[in-house]
Amino acid sequence: MTLAVSTSQNTSFYSSSAFLIIIVLIVFARLIRNASGRRFSERRLFTLPIMLLVITLLGLIDVPIGYYVYFAALIVVGLLPGLRWGEGASVYSVDGKLMYRRSPVVLALWAVSLVARIAIEIAFPSNLYALVIVEGILSFESGMIIGESNRLWRKYRDIVSSLTTQGSQ
């Protein structure tokens, strides 16, 4: 009996560790992709914040309703550093194509919080307090990415506005 339980726990540990390693590799690939920049599109810019909000909302299914105000507050609080550190994000032109690069600070905090969130979820499954911490991290992270995306969108609008003004002269 003990051997069966031990084997089951080891298998769970190894599959959880493999999952965490895959997530770390995805995060690393995203960080490298950001360094070279991406072609600007509003759809691409707002896909990440929308996905994070959906994931946050789906995660709230297992959390008592009393915590929802806490999560909403963390989203709002996350907006502030996202807007502030979003200044490090850039929109620029390469061969007539608009490109963008997310803020290294926001991206690094997002990567660390994502890995921490998954590690907490793996280390403390079925624990309400761990779930609240995980969802709190995700809520803050969502707010931060929304703030940064807002800052990038404003920079994009400013560039398009200045190009339109230059073109009409």
N, C-alpha and C. Protein backbone atom coordinates (compact mmCIF):
# COMPACT_ATOMS: atom_id res chain seq x y z
N MET A 1 0.82 -1.19 0.00
CA MET A 1 0.00 0.00 0.00
C MET A 1 0.87 1.26 0.00
N THR A 2 1.87 1.30 0.82
CA THR A 2 2.75 2.46 0.89
C THR A 2 3.51 2.64 -0.41
N LEU A 3 3.94 1.53 -1.01
CA LEU A 3 4.66 1.60 -2.27
C LEU A 3 3.76 2.18 -3.37
N ALA A 4 2.51 1.80 -3.40
CA ALA A 4 1.58 2.31 -4.42
C ALA A 4 1.36 3.81 -4.26
N VAL A 5 1.17 4.25 -3.02
CA VAL A 5 0.98 5.67 -2.77
C VAL A 5 2.24 6.44 -3.14
N SER A 6 3.39 5.90 -2.76
CA SER A 6 4.66 6.55 -3.05
C SER A 6 4.89 6.66 -4.56
N THR A 7 4.59 5.59 -5.30
CA THR A 7 4.76 5.61 -6.74
C THR A 7 3.83 6.63 -7.38
N SER A 8 2.61 6.70 -6.89
CA SER A 8 1.65 7.66 -7.42
C SER A 8 2.12 9.09 -7.17
N GLN A 9 2.66 9.34 -5.98
CA GLN A 9 3.16 10.68 -5.65
C GLN A 9 4.38 11.03 -6.51
N ASN A 10 5.26 10.06 -6.73
CA ASN A 10 6.44 10.31 -7.56
C ASN A 10 6.03 10.64 -9.00
N THR A 11 5.07 9.89 -9.54
CA THR A 11 4.60 10.14 -10.90
C THR A 11 4.00 11.53 -10.99
N SER A 12 3.21 11.90 -10.00
CA SER A 12 2.60 13.23 -9.97
C SER A 12 3.67 14.30 -9.89
N PHE A 13 4.69 14.07 -9.05
CA PHE A 13 5.78 15.04 -8.92
C PHE A 13 6.52 15.22 -10.24
N TYR A 14 6.83 14.10 -10.92
CA TYR A 14 7.57 14.19 -12.17
C TYR A 14 6.74 14.84 -13.27
N SER A 15 5.45 14.55 -13.34
CA SER A 15 4.62 15.18 -14.37
C SER A 15 4.46 16.67 -14.06
N SER A 16 4.35 17.03 -12.78
CA SER A 16 4.26 18.44 -12.40
C SER A 16 5.57 19.16 -12.72
N SER A 17 6.68 18.50 -12.45
CA SER A 17 7.98 19.10 -12.75
C SER A 17 8.16 19.27 -14.25
N ALA A 18 7.74 18.29 -15.02
CA ALA A 18 7.83 18.39 -16.48
C ALA A 18 6.97 19.55 -16.97
N PHE A 19 5.78 19.70 -16.41
CA PHE A 19 4.89 20.80 -16.79
C PHE A 19 5.55 22.14 -16.47
N LEU A 20 6.15 22.25 -15.30
CA LEU A 20 6.82 23.50 -14.91
C LEU A 20 8.00 23.80 -15.84
N ILE A 21 8.75 22.79 -16.23
CA ILE A 21 9.87 22.97 -17.15
C ILE A 21 9.37 23.45 -18.51
N ILE A 22 8.27 22.89 -18.98
CA ILE A 22 7.70 23.31 -20.27
C ILE A 22 7.26 24.77 -20.19
N ILE A 23 6.62 25.15 -19.09
CA ILE A 23 6.19 26.54 -18.93
C ILE A 23 7.40 27.47 -18.90
N VAL A 24 8.45 27.08 -18.19
CA VAL A 24 9.66 27.91 -18.14
C VAL A 24 10.25 28.07 -19.54
N LEU A 25 10.26 27.01 -20.34
CA LEU A 25 10.78 27.09 -21.70
C LEU A 25 9.92 28.02 -22.58
N ILE A 26 8.60 27.95 -22.41
CA ILE A 26 7.71 28.83 -23.16
C ILE A 26 7.96 30.28 -22.77
N VAL A 27 8.10 30.52 -21.47
CA VAL A 27 8.36 31.88 -20.98
C VAL A 27 9.70 32.38 -21.54
N PHE A 28 10.71 31.53 -21.52
CA PHE A 28 12.02 31.91 -22.05
C PHE A 28 11.93 32.25 -23.54
N ALA A 29 11.20 31.44 -24.31
CA ALA A 29 11.03 31.70 -25.74
C ALA A 29 10.32 33.03 -25.95
N ARG A 30 9.34 33.33 -25.11
CA ARG A 30 8.61 34.60 -25.24
C ARG A 30 9.54 35.78 -24.93
N LEU A 31 10.40 35.63 -23.94
CA LEU A 31 11.35 36.70 -23.60
C LEU A 31 12.31 36.95 -24.76
N ILE A 32 12.78 35.89 -25.40
CA ILE A 32 13.70 36.04 -26.54
C ILE A 32 12.97 36.69 -27.71
N ARG A 33 11.73 36.26 -27.97
CA ARG A 33 10.95 36.84 -29.07
C ARG A 33 10.73 38.33 -28.84
N ASN A 34 10.51 38.71 -27.59
CA ASN A 34 10.29 40.13 -27.28
C ASN A 34 11.54 40.96 -27.58
N ALA A 35 12.71 40.38 -27.37
CA ALA A 35 13.95 41.12 -27.58
C ALA A 35 14.09 41.58 -29.04
N SER A 36 13.58 40.78 -29.97
CA SER A 36 13.69 41.16 -31.38
C SER A 36 12.51 42.00 -31.85
N GLY A 37 11.45 42.08 -31.07
CA GLY A 37 10.28 42.86 -31.44
C GLY A 37 9.32 42.05 -32.30
N ARG A 38 8.10 42.55 -32.39
CA ARG A 38 7.07 41.88 -33.17
C ARG A 38 6.35 42.91 -34.02
N ARG A 39 5.80 42.46 -35.11
CA ARG A 39 5.02 43.36 -35.96
C ARG A 39 3.78 43.81 -35.20
N PHE A 40 3.49 45.10 -35.27
CA PHE A 40 2.39 45.66 -34.50
C PHE A 40 1.06 45.31 -35.14
N SER A 41 0.15 44.86 -34.30
CA SER A 41 -1.26 44.74 -34.68
C SER A 41 -2.06 44.88 -33.38
N GLU A 42 -3.17 45.57 -33.48
CA GLU A 42 -4.00 45.75 -32.28
C GLU A 42 -4.46 44.41 -31.74
N ARG A 43 -4.78 43.49 -32.64
CA ARG A 43 -5.24 42.16 -32.21
C ARG A 43 -4.16 41.48 -31.37
N ARG A 44 -2.96 41.50 -31.86
CA ARG A 44 -1.84 40.87 -31.15
C ARG A 44 -1.58 41.56 -29.81
N LEU A 45 -1.69 42.89 -29.82
CA LEU A 45 -1.42 43.67 -28.61
C LEU A 45 -2.41 43.35 -27.49
N PHE A 46 -3.67 43.16 -27.85
CA PHE A 46 -4.69 42.96 -26.82
C PHE A 46 -5.05 41.49 -26.58
N THR A 47 -4.48 40.56 -27.35
CA THR A 47 -4.76 39.15 -27.14
C THR A 47 -4.25 38.67 -25.78
N LEU A 48 -3.03 39.03 -25.42
CA LEU A 48 -2.45 38.59 -24.14
C LEU A 48 -3.27 39.07 -22.95
N PRO A 49 -3.62 40.36 -22.85
CA PRO A 49 -4.42 40.80 -21.70
C PRO A 49 -5.79 40.11 -21.64
N ILE A 50 -6.41 39.90 -22.80
CA ILE A 50 -7.71 39.23 -22.80
C ILE A 50 -7.56 37.79 -22.34
N MET A 51 -6.52 37.10 -22.82
CA MET A 51 -6.29 35.71 -22.39
C MET A 51 -6.05 35.65 -20.88
N LEU A 52 -5.25 36.57 -20.35
CA LEU A 52 -4.99 36.57 -18.91
C LEU A 52 -6.26 36.83 -18.11
N LEU A 53 -7.12 37.73 -18.58
CA LEU A 53 -8.38 37.97 -17.88
C LEU A 53 -9.27 36.75 -17.91
N VAL A 54 -9.34 36.07 -19.05
CA VAL A 54 -10.15 34.85 -19.15
C VAL A 54 -9.62 33.78 -18.21
N ILE A 55 -8.30 33.60 -18.19
CA ILE A 55 -7.69 32.61 -17.29
C ILE A 55 -7.97 32.98 -15.84
N THR A 56 -7.88 34.27 -15.52
CA THR A 56 -8.18 34.72 -14.16
C THR A 56 -9.62 34.40 -13.80
N LEU A 57 -10.54 34.73 -14.69
CA LEU A 57 -11.96 34.47 -14.41
C LEU A 57 -12.26 32.98 -14.28
N LEU A 58 -11.63 32.17 -15.12
CA LEU A 58 -11.83 30.72 -15.02
C LEU A 58 -11.29 30.18 -13.70
N GLY A 59 -10.20 30.74 -13.22
CA GLY A 59 -9.61 30.30 -11.96
C GLY A 59 -10.47 30.66 -10.76
N LEU A 60 -11.33 31.65 -10.91
CA LEU A 60 -12.17 32.09 -9.79
C LEU A 60 -13.33 31.14 -9.51
N ILE A 61 -13.53 30.16 -10.37
CA ILE A 61 -14.63 29.22 -10.19
C ILE A 61 -14.52 28.50 -8.84
N ASP A 62 -13.31 28.14 -8.44
CA ASP A 62 -13.09 27.39 -7.20
C ASP A 62 -12.89 28.27 -5.97
N VAL A 63 -12.94 29.59 -6.14
CA VAL A 63 -12.67 30.51 -5.04
C VAL A 63 -14.00 31.07 -4.52
N PRO A 64 -14.17 31.15 -3.19
CA PRO A 64 -15.40 31.74 -2.65
C PRO A 64 -15.60 33.19 -3.14
N ILE A 65 -16.84 33.56 -3.34
CA ILE A 65 -17.19 34.88 -3.90
C ILE A 65 -16.63 36.02 -3.05
N GLY A 66 -16.46 35.82 -1.77
CA GLY A 66 -15.95 36.87 -0.89
C GLY A 66 -14.58 37.40 -1.29
N TYR A 67 -13.83 36.63 -2.06
CA TYR A 67 -12.49 37.05 -2.48
C TYR A 67 -12.50 37.85 -3.78
N TYR A 68 -13.61 37.94 -4.46
CA TYR A 68 -13.66 38.59 -5.77
C TYR A 68 -13.27 40.07 -5.72
N VAL A 69 -13.66 40.77 -4.66
CA VAL A 69 -13.29 42.18 -4.53
C VAL A 69 -11.77 42.30 -4.41
N TYR A 70 -11.16 41.39 -3.69
CA TYR A 70 -9.70 41.34 -3.53
C TYR A 70 -9.03 41.19 -4.90
N PHE A 71 -9.55 40.27 -5.72
CA PHE A 71 -8.95 40.05 -7.04
C PHE A 71 -9.16 41.26 -7.96
N ALA A 72 -10.35 41.86 -7.90
CA ALA A 72 -10.61 43.06 -8.71
C ALA A 72 -9.67 44.19 -8.29
N ALA A 73 -9.44 44.33 -6.99
CA ALA A 73 -8.53 45.37 -6.50
C ALA A 73 -7.11 45.11 -6.99
N LEU A 74 -6.69 43.84 -7.02
CA LEU A 74 -5.34 43.52 -7.50
C LEU A 74 -5.19 43.81 -8.98
N ILE A 75 -6.25 43.63 -9.76
CA ILE A 75 -6.18 43.98 -11.18
C ILE A 75 -5.97 45.49 -11.32
N VAL A 76 -6.73 46.27 -10.55
CA VAL A 76 -6.60 47.72 -10.61
C VAL A 76 -5.22 48.16 -10.12
N VAL A 77 -4.75 47.56 -9.04
CA VAL A 77 -3.42 47.90 -8.51
C VAL A 77 -2.34 47.51 -9.53
N GLY A 78 -2.51 46.41 -10.23
CA GLY A 78 -1.56 45.99 -11.25
C GLY A 78 -1.50 46.93 -12.44
N LEU A 79 -2.60 47.66 -12.68
CA LEU A 79 -2.61 48.63 -13.79
C LEU A 79 -1.54 49.71 -13.60
N LEU A 80 -1.37 50.14 -12.36
CA LEU A 80 -0.46 51.25 -12.08
C LEU A 80 0.99 50.94 -12.47
N PRO A 81 1.57 49.83 -11.98
CA PRO A 81 2.94 49.56 -12.44
C PRO A 81 2.99 49.22 -13.94
N GLY A 82 1.92 48.62 -14.47
CA GLY A 82 1.88 48.34 -15.90
C GLY A 82 1.95 49.60 -16.73
N LEU A 83 1.20 50.63 -16.30
CA LEU A 83 1.25 51.92 -16.99
C LEU A 83 2.62 52.58 -16.82
N ARG A 84 3.16 52.49 -15.60
CA ARG A 84 4.45 53.13 -15.30
C ARG A 84 5.59 52.45 -16.06
N TRP A 85 5.68 51.13 -15.91
CA TRP A 85 6.77 50.40 -16.55
C TRP A 85 6.52 50.20 -18.04
N GLY A 86 5.29 50.43 -18.46
CA GLY A 86 4.97 50.37 -19.88
C GLY A 86 5.69 51.43 -20.68
N GLU A 87 6.23 52.44 -19.99
CA GLU A 87 7.05 53.45 -20.66
C GLU A 87 8.26 52.80 -21.31
N GLY A 88 8.72 51.69 -20.75
CA GLY A 88 9.87 50.98 -21.32
C GLY A 88 9.53 50.23 -22.59
N ALA A 89 8.25 50.12 -22.91
CA ALA A 89 7.82 49.47 -24.14
C ALA A 89 8.02 50.45 -25.29
N SER A 90 8.18 49.92 -26.50
CA SER A 90 8.42 50.82 -27.62
C SER A 90 7.66 50.38 -28.87
N VAL A 91 7.28 51.37 -29.64
CA VAL A 91 6.69 51.17 -30.96
C VAL A 91 7.61 51.89 -31.92
N TYR A 92 8.03 51.20 -32.98
CA TYR A 92 9.00 51.77 -33.90
C TYR A 92 8.73 51.24 -35.31
N SER A 93 9.39 51.84 -36.28
CA SER A 93 9.19 51.46 -37.67
C SER A 93 10.46 50.80 -38.21
N VAL A 94 10.27 49.69 -38.94
CA VAL A 94 11.36 49.01 -39.62
C VAL A 94 10.89 48.73 -41.04
N ASP A 95 11.55 49.32 -42.01
CA ASP A 95 11.19 49.16 -43.42
C ASP A 95 9.72 49.48 -43.67
N GLY A 96 9.22 50.52 -43.03
CA GLY A 96 7.84 50.94 -43.23
C GLY A 96 6.81 50.12 -42.47
N LYS A 97 7.26 49.14 -41.69
CA LYS A 97 6.34 48.32 -40.90
C LYS A 97 6.45 48.73 -39.44
N LEU A 98 5.31 48.89 -38.79
CA LEU A 98 5.33 49.22 -37.37
C LEU A 98 5.59 47.96 -36.56
N MET A 99 6.53 48.08 -35.63
CA MET A 99 6.92 46.99 -34.76
C MET A 99 6.72 47.45 -33.31
N TYR A 100 6.66 46.49 -32.39
CA TYR A 100 6.62 46.86 -30.98
C TYR A 100 7.42 45.88 -30.16
N ARG A 101 7.86 46.38 -29.03
CA ARG A 101 8.63 45.58 -28.08
C ARG A 101 8.05 45.88 -26.70
N ARG A 102 7.66 44.85 -25.99
CA ARG A 102 7.10 45.03 -24.66
C ARG A 102 8.20 45.47 -23.69
N SER A 103 7.79 46.04 -22.58
CA SER A 103 8.72 46.50 -21.56
C SER A 103 9.46 45.32 -20.95
N PRO A 104 10.79 45.39 -20.87
CA PRO A 104 11.55 44.29 -20.26
C PRO A 104 11.17 44.09 -18.79
N VAL A 105 10.87 45.17 -18.07
CA VAL A 105 10.52 45.05 -16.65
C VAL A 105 9.19 44.31 -16.50
N VAL A 106 8.18 44.72 -17.27
CA VAL A 106 6.88 44.07 -17.19
C VAL A 106 6.99 42.62 -17.61
N LEU A 107 7.73 42.36 -18.68
CA LEU A 107 7.89 41.00 -19.16
C LEU A 107 8.61 40.13 -18.13
N ALA A 108 9.65 40.66 -17.49
CA ALA A 108 10.38 39.89 -16.48
C ALA A 108 9.49 39.61 -15.27
N LEU A 109 8.75 40.62 -14.81
CA LEU A 109 7.83 40.40 -13.68
C LEU A 109 6.73 39.41 -14.04
N TRP A 110 6.24 39.50 -15.26
CA TRP A 110 5.22 38.56 -15.73
C TRP A 110 5.79 37.14 -15.71
N ALA A 111 7.00 36.96 -16.22
CA ALA A 111 7.63 35.64 -16.28
C ALA A 111 7.83 35.06 -14.89
N VAL A 112 8.37 35.87 -13.98
CA VAL A 112 8.61 35.41 -12.61
C VAL A 112 7.30 35.06 -11.91
N SER A 113 6.30 35.92 -12.08
CA SER A 113 5.02 35.66 -11.40
C SER A 113 4.32 34.44 -11.98
N LEU A 114 4.44 34.22 -13.29
CA LEU A 114 3.83 33.04 -13.90
C LEU A 114 4.46 31.76 -13.36
N VAL A 115 5.78 31.73 -13.32
CA VAL A 115 6.48 30.55 -12.81
C VAL A 115 6.16 30.35 -11.32
N ALA A 116 6.13 31.44 -10.55
CA ALA A 116 5.79 31.34 -9.12
C ALA A 116 4.37 30.83 -8.94
N ARG A 117 3.47 31.33 -9.74
CA ARG A 117 2.07 30.91 -9.66
C ARG A 117 1.94 29.40 -9.91
N ILE A 118 2.62 28.91 -10.93
CA ILE A 118 2.54 27.48 -11.25
C ILE A 118 3.22 26.66 -10.17
N ALA A 119 4.34 27.12 -9.66
CA ALA A 119 5.04 26.40 -8.59
C ALA A 119 4.18 26.30 -7.33
N ILE A 120 3.49 27.39 -6.98
CA ILE A 120 2.60 27.37 -5.80
C ILE A 120 1.45 26.40 -6.04
N GLU A 121 0.91 26.42 -7.25
CA GLU A 121 -0.20 25.54 -7.58
C GLU A 121 0.23 24.07 -7.50
N ILE A 122 1.44 23.76 -7.93
CA ILE A 122 1.95 22.39 -7.88
C ILE A 122 2.28 21.99 -6.45
N ALA A 123 2.89 22.89 -5.69
CA ALA A 123 3.32 22.57 -4.33
C ALA A 123 2.16 22.43 -3.35
N PHE A 124 1.08 23.19 -3.58
CA PHE A 124 -0.04 23.18 -2.63
C PHE A 124 -1.38 22.96 -3.33
N PRO A 125 -1.56 21.80 -3.94
CA PRO A 125 -2.84 21.54 -4.62
C PRO A 125 -3.97 21.44 -3.59
N SER A 126 -5.14 21.89 -3.98
CA SER A 126 -6.36 21.79 -3.15
C SER A 126 -6.28 22.60 -1.85
N ASN A 127 -5.42 23.58 -1.78
CA ASN A 127 -5.30 24.42 -0.60
C ASN A 127 -5.92 25.78 -0.94
N LEU A 128 -6.97 26.17 -0.22
CA LEU A 128 -7.68 27.41 -0.53
C LEU A 128 -6.76 28.62 -0.45
N TYR A 129 -5.91 28.70 0.55
CA TYR A 129 -5.02 29.85 0.69
C TYR A 129 -4.02 29.92 -0.47
N ALA A 130 -3.50 28.77 -0.88
CA ALA A 130 -2.59 28.74 -2.02
C ALA A 130 -3.33 29.17 -3.29
N LEU A 131 -4.57 28.74 -3.42
CA LEU A 131 -5.39 29.12 -4.58
C LEU A 131 -5.63 30.63 -4.60
N VAL A 132 -5.89 31.20 -3.44
CA VAL A 132 -6.10 32.65 -3.35
C VAL A 132 -4.81 33.39 -3.72
N ILE A 133 -3.67 32.90 -3.26
CA ILE A 133 -2.38 33.52 -3.62
C ILE A 133 -2.14 33.42 -5.12
N VAL A 134 -2.39 32.24 -5.68
CA VAL A 134 -2.19 32.02 -7.11
C VAL A 134 -3.09 32.95 -7.93
N GLU A 135 -4.35 33.01 -7.56
CA GLU A 135 -5.28 33.88 -8.29
C GLU A 135 -4.95 35.36 -8.07
N GLY A 136 -4.43 35.69 -6.90
CA GLY A 136 -4.00 37.06 -6.63
C GLY A 136 -2.84 37.46 -7.54
N ILE A 137 -1.87 36.56 -7.67
CA ILE A 137 -0.73 36.81 -8.56
C ILE A 137 -1.23 36.99 -9.98
N LEU A 138 -2.12 36.12 -10.41
CA LEU A 138 -2.65 36.20 -11.76
C LEU A 138 -3.45 37.48 -11.98
N SER A 139 -4.20 37.90 -10.99
CA SER A 139 -4.98 39.14 -11.10
C SER A 139 -4.05 40.35 -11.24
N PHE A 140 -3.03 40.42 -10.39
CA PHE A 140 -2.07 41.52 -10.46
C PHE A 140 -1.37 41.53 -11.82
N GLU A 141 -0.94 40.35 -12.24
CA GLU A 141 -0.25 40.18 -13.52
C GLU A 141 -1.15 40.63 -14.68
N SER A 142 -2.43 40.29 -14.62
CA SER A 142 -3.38 40.71 -15.66
C SER A 142 -3.47 42.23 -15.71
N GLY A 143 -3.59 42.86 -14.56
CA GLY A 143 -3.66 44.32 -14.51
C GLY A 143 -2.40 44.96 -15.06
N MET A 144 -1.26 44.38 -14.74
CA MET A 144 0.02 44.92 -15.20
C MET A 144 0.12 44.84 -16.73
N ILE A 145 -0.27 43.72 -17.31
CA ILE A 145 -0.21 43.55 -18.76
C ILE A 145 -1.22 44.46 -19.45
N ILE A 146 -2.40 44.64 -18.84
CA ILE A 146 -3.40 45.55 -19.41
C ILE A 146 -2.85 46.97 -19.42
N GLY A 147 -2.23 47.39 -18.32
CA GLY A 147 -1.64 48.73 -18.24
C GLY A 147 -0.55 48.92 -19.29
N GLU A 148 0.30 47.94 -19.44
CA GLU A 148 1.37 48.04 -20.43
C GLU A 148 0.80 48.07 -21.85
N SER A 149 -0.19 47.25 -22.13
CA SER A 149 -0.81 47.24 -23.46
C SER A 149 -1.46 48.57 -23.76
N ASN A 150 -2.05 49.17 -22.73
CA ASN A 150 -2.65 50.50 -22.90
C ASN A 150 -1.57 51.51 -23.27
N ARG A 151 -0.44 51.45 -22.60
CA ARG A 151 0.68 52.37 -22.88
C ARG A 151 1.19 52.16 -24.30
N LEU A 152 1.34 50.90 -24.72
CA LEU A 152 1.80 50.61 -26.08
C LEU A 152 0.79 51.13 -27.11
N TRP A 153 -0.49 50.95 -26.85
CA TRP A 153 -1.51 51.41 -27.77
C TRP A 153 -1.46 52.92 -27.92
N ARG A 154 -1.25 53.64 -26.80
CA ARG A 154 -1.12 55.11 -26.86
C ARG A 154 0.09 55.52 -27.68
N LYS A 155 1.21 54.81 -27.50
CA LYS A 155 2.41 55.12 -28.30
C LYS A 155 2.13 54.88 -29.78
N TYR A 156 1.42 53.81 -30.08
CA TYR A 156 1.05 53.50 -31.46
C TYR A 156 0.19 54.63 -32.04
N ARG A 157 -0.80 55.06 -31.28
CA ARG A 157 -1.69 56.15 -31.72
C ARG A 157 -0.90 57.42 -31.98
N ASP A 158 0.05 57.73 -31.10
CA ASP A 158 0.87 58.93 -31.27
C ASP A 158 1.71 58.85 -32.55
N ILE A 159 2.29 57.69 -32.83
CA ILE A 159 3.11 57.52 -34.04
C ILE A 159 2.24 57.64 -35.28
N VAL A 160 1.08 56.98 -35.27
CA VAL A 160 0.19 57.05 -36.43
C VAL A 160 -0.28 58.49 -36.64
N SER A 161 -0.57 59.17 -35.56
CA SER A 161 -1.00 60.57 -35.64
C SER A 161 0.10 61.45 -36.23
N SER A 162 1.34 61.23 -35.78
CA SER A 162 2.45 62.05 -36.30
C SER A 162 2.74 61.71 -37.77
N LEU A 163 2.59 60.44 -38.16
CA LEU A 163 2.79 60.07 -39.56
C LEU A 163 1.70 60.67 -40.45
N THR A 164 0.48 60.70 -39.94
CA THR A 164 -0.64 61.29 -40.68
C THR A 164 -0.42 62.78 -40.84
N THR A 165 0.04 63.43 -39.78
CA THR A 165 0.31 64.87 -39.82
C THR A 165 1.43 65.17 -40.81
N GLN A 166 2.49 64.36 -40.81
CA GLN A 166 3.62 64.58 -41.73
C GLN A 166 3.19 64.33 -43.16
N GLY A 167 2.33 63.34 -43.36
CA GLY A 167 1.89 62.99 -44.71
C GLY A 167 0.98 64.05 -45.32
N SER A 168 0.25 64.78 -44.50
CA SER A 168 -0.68 65.79 -45.02
C SER A 168 0.01 67.13 -45.30
N GLN A 169 1.27 67.27 -44.89
CA GLN A 169 1.98 68.54 -45.10
C GLN A 169 2.64 68.60 -46.41
